[in-house]
Amino acid sequence: MQKNKVILIYTGKVQRWENFDKIKLYMFPLNSREHYDFISKTLEARPSKVIRTLQRKITDGELDYGEVVHSSIGMVQRVGKESGSIGYISDDIAIFASDNIEVLGIK
């Protein structure tokens, strides 16, 4: 998946998949190391800007997110149960993804 598209999804600028299904976001707590690393290292974006945008859109009800998860295994389990959902995990955890989860790299 293109990095720019992931940024658009995680800032609420894209909220539907190409087939028009609603995207349901799963994420680690906004102040967690996992979330910070995902934004800064994987997406190469400014965490403070992305987090402010997320907080505003969630508070204003503009962004539908599934829920905050607190572990990588929890992320895999939640995304695996919810059609149209998206989450993020580190490469070393991807091996635990179930068959109904498509693990995508970010380019």
C-alpha atoms as a PDB file:
ATOM      1  CA  MET A   1       0.000   0.000   0.000  1.00  0.00           C
ATOM      2  CA  GLN A   2       1.295   3.452  -0.794  1.00  0.00           C
ATOM      3  CA  LYS A   3       2.504   5.448   2.196  1.00  0.00           C
ATOM      4  CA  ASN A   4       0.497   8.505   1.141  1.00  0.00           C
ATOM      5  CA  LYS A   5      -2.719   6.480   1.089  1.00  0.00           C
ATOM      6  CA  VAL A   6      -2.061   5.164   4.604  1.00  0.00           C
ATOM      7  CA  ILE A   7      -1.473   8.721   5.814  1.00  0.00           C
ATOM      8  CA  LEU A   8      -4.756   9.813   4.210  1.00  0.00           C
ATOM      9  CA  ILE A   9      -6.567   6.911   5.884  1.00  0.00           C
ATOM     10  CA  TYR A  10      -5.034   7.551   9.310  1.00  0.00           C
ATOM     11  CA  THR A  11      -5.838  11.263   9.161  1.00  0.00           C
ATOM     12  CA  GLY A  12      -9.440  10.605   8.101  1.00  0.00           C
ATOM     13  CA  LYS A  13      -9.091  12.161   4.650  1.00  0.00           C
ATOM     14  CA  VAL A  14      -9.926   8.804   3.052  1.00  0.00           C
ATOM     15  CA  GLN A  15     -12.697   6.970   4.896  1.00  0.00           C
ATOM     16  CA  ARG A  16     -13.892   4.443   2.326  1.00  0.00           C
ATOM     17  CA  TRP A  17     -12.189   1.657   0.416  1.00  0.00           C
ATOM     18  CA  GLU A  18     -12.297   1.554  -3.370  1.00  0.00           C
ATOM     19  CA  ASN A  19     -15.419  -0.665  -3.169  1.00  0.00           C
ATOM     20  CA  PHE A  20     -17.079   2.092  -1.046  1.00  0.00           C
ATOM     21  CA  ASP A  21     -17.029   0.048   2.176  1.00  0.00           C
ATOM     22  CA  LYS A  22     -16.345   2.166   5.249  1.00  0.00           C
ATOM     23  CA  ILE A  23     -12.826   1.886   6.649  1.00  0.00           C
ATOM     24  CA  LYS A  24     -12.707   1.013  10.314  1.00  0.00           C
ATOM     25  CA  LEU A  25      -9.473   2.090  12.017  1.00  0.00           C
ATOM     26  CA  TYR A  26      -7.758   0.223  14.787  1.00  0.00           C
ATOM     27  CA  MET A  27      -4.820   1.867  16.477  1.00  0.00           C
ATOM     28  CA  PHE A  28      -2.620   1.828  19.519  1.00  0.00           C
ATOM     29  CA  PRO A  29      -3.138   4.618  22.080  1.00  0.00           C
ATOM     30  CA  LEU A  30      -2.184   7.971  20.556  1.00  0.00           C
ATOM     31  CA  ASN A  31       0.493   8.506  23.211  1.00  0.00           C
ATOM     32  CA  SER A  32       2.025   5.013  22.870  1.00  0.00           C
ATOM     33  CA  ARG A  33       5.472   4.142  21.533  1.00  0.00           C
ATOM     34  CA  GLU A  34       3.865   1.851  18.909  1.00  0.00           C
ATOM     35  CA  HIS A  35       1.724   4.653  17.516  1.00  0.00           C
ATOM     36  CA  TYR A  36       4.582   7.163  17.587  1.00  0.00           C
ATOM     37  CA  ASP A  37       6.908   4.737  15.763  1.00  0.00           C
ATOM     38  CA  PHE A  38       4.224   3.916  13.180  1.00  0.00           C
ATOM     39  CA  ILE A  39       3.727   7.598  12.377  1.00  0.00           C
ATOM     40  CA  SER A  40       7.348   8.749  12.561  1.00  0.00           C
ATOM     41  CA  LYS A  41       9.285   5.751  11.235  1.00  0.00           C
ATOM     42  CA  THR A  42       6.894   3.831   9.008  1.00  0.00           C
ATOM     43  CA  LEU A  43       4.921   6.744   7.563  1.00  0.00           C
ATOM     44  CA  GLU A  44       7.767   9.244   7.966  1.00  0.00           C
ATOM     45  CA  ALA A  45       5.277  11.878   9.091  1.00  0.00           C
ATOM     46  CA  ARG A  46       5.275  14.309  12.007  1.00  0.00           C
ATOM     47  CA  PRO A  47       3.575  12.498  14.896  1.00  0.00           C
ATOM     48  CA  SER A  48       2.353  15.673  16.593  1.00  0.00           C
ATOM     49  CA  LYS A  49       0.532  16.816  13.445  1.00  0.00           C
ATOM     50  CA  VAL A  50      -1.036  13.417  12.723  1.00  0.00           C
ATOM     51  CA  ILE A  51      -2.054  12.918  16.366  1.00  0.00           C
ATOM     52  CA  ARG A  52      -3.654  16.394  16.560  1.00  0.00           C
ATOM     53  CA  THR A  53      -5.601  15.693  13.366  1.00  0.00           C
ATOM     54  CA  LEU A  54      -6.741  12.303  14.685  1.00  0.00           C
ATOM     55  CA  GLN A  55      -7.791  13.709  18.059  1.00  0.00           C
ATOM     56  CA  ARG A  56      -9.787  16.507  16.442  1.00  0.00           C
ATOM     57  CA  LYS A  57     -11.563  14.232  13.962  1.00  0.00           C
ATOM     58  CA  ILE A  58     -12.357  11.615  16.602  1.00  0.00           C
ATOM     59  CA  THR A  59     -13.666  14.258  19.024  1.00  0.00           C
ATOM     60  CA  ASP A  60     -15.758  15.898  16.286  1.00  0.00           C
ATOM     61  CA  GLY A  61     -17.185  12.507  15.244  1.00  0.00           C
ATOM     62  CA  GLU A  62     -15.693  12.826  11.768  1.00  0.00           C
ATOM     63  CA  LEU A  63     -13.639   9.651  12.026  1.00  0.00           C
ATOM     64  CA  ASP A  64     -14.941   6.152  12.701  1.00  0.00           C
ATOM     65  CA  TYR A  65     -12.318   4.112  14.458  1.00  0.00           C
ATOM     66  CA  GLY A  66     -12.854   0.618  15.747  1.00  0.00           C
ATOM     67  CA  GLU A  67     -11.145   1.014  19.050  1.00  0.00           C
ATOM     68  CA  VAL A  68      -7.808   1.489  20.668  1.00  0.00           C
ATOM     69  CA  VAL A  69      -5.906  -1.768  21.153  1.00  0.00           C
ATOM     70  CA  HIS A  70      -3.086  -2.282  23.621  1.00  0.00           C
ATOM     71  CA  SER A  71      -1.098  -5.156  22.120  1.00  0.00           C
ATOM     72  CA  SER A  72       0.048  -6.337  18.718  1.00  0.00           C
ATOM     73  CA  ILE A  73      -1.760  -9.644  19.141  1.00  0.00           C
ATOM     74  CA  GLY A  74      -4.894  -7.669  20.071  1.00  0.00           C
ATOM     75  CA  MET A  75      -4.475  -5.657  16.862  1.00  0.00           C
ATOM     76  CA  VAL A  76      -4.277  -8.846  14.794  1.00  0.00           C
ATOM     77  CA  GLN A  77      -7.346 -10.292  16.532  1.00  0.00           C
ATOM     78  CA  ARG A  78      -9.497  -7.153  16.142  1.00  0.00           C
ATOM     79  CA  VAL A  79      -8.604  -6.485  12.499  1.00  0.00           C
ATOM     80  CA  GLY A  80      -9.157 -10.174  11.723  1.00  0.00           C
ATOM     81  CA  LYS A  81     -12.731 -10.031  13.027  1.00  0.00           C
ATOM     82  CA  GLU A  82     -13.867  -6.801  11.350  1.00  0.00           C
ATOM     83  CA  SER A  83     -14.405  -6.629   7.593  1.00  0.00           C
ATOM     84  CA  GLY A  84     -13.056  -3.412   6.087  1.00  0.00           C
ATOM     85  CA  SER A  85     -10.760  -2.698   9.009  1.00  0.00           C
ATOM     86  CA  ILE A  86      -7.144  -1.591   9.016  1.00  0.00           C
ATOM     87  CA  GLY A  87      -4.479  -1.643  11.687  1.00  0.00           C
ATOM     88  CA  TYR A  88      -0.715  -1.710  11.956  1.00  0.00           C
ATOM     89  CA  ILE A  89       1.806  -4.089  13.434  1.00  0.00           C
ATOM     90  CA  SER A  90       5.564  -4.523  13.246  1.00  0.00           C
ATOM     91  CA  ASP A  91       7.085  -6.927  10.742  1.00  0.00           C
ATOM     92  CA  ASP A  92       8.023  -9.460  13.412  1.00  0.00           C
ATOM     93  CA  ILE A  93       4.373  -9.756  14.518  1.00  0.00           C
ATOM     94  CA  ALA A  94       3.015 -10.183  10.967  1.00  0.00           C
ATOM     95  CA  ILE A  95       3.660 -13.931  11.129  1.00  0.00           C
ATOM     96  CA  PHE A  96       0.816 -14.194  13.655  1.00  0.00           C
ATOM     97  CA  ALA A  97      -1.752 -12.774  11.223  1.00  0.00           C
ATOM     98  CA  SER A  98      -4.581 -15.162  10.438  1.00  0.00           C
ATOM     99  CA  ASP A  99      -5.589 -16.267   6.961  1.00  0.00           C
ATOM    100  CA  ASN A 100      -8.408 -13.705   6.828  1.00  0.00           C
ATOM    101  CA  ILE A 101      -5.979 -10.797   7.235  1.00  0.00           C
ATOM    102  CA  GLU A 102      -4.073  -9.422   4.298  1.00  0.00           C
ATOM    103  CA  VAL A 103      -0.722  -8.123   5.549  1.00  0.00           C
ATOM    104  CA  LEU A 104       0.481  -5.276   3.338  1.00  0.00           C
ATOM    105  CA  GLY A 105       3.795  -3.544   3.255  1.00  0.00           C
ATOM    106  CA  ILE A 106       3.944   0.224   3.037  1.00  0.00           C
ATOM    107  CA  LYS A 107       5.935   1.753   0.182  1.00  0.00           C
END
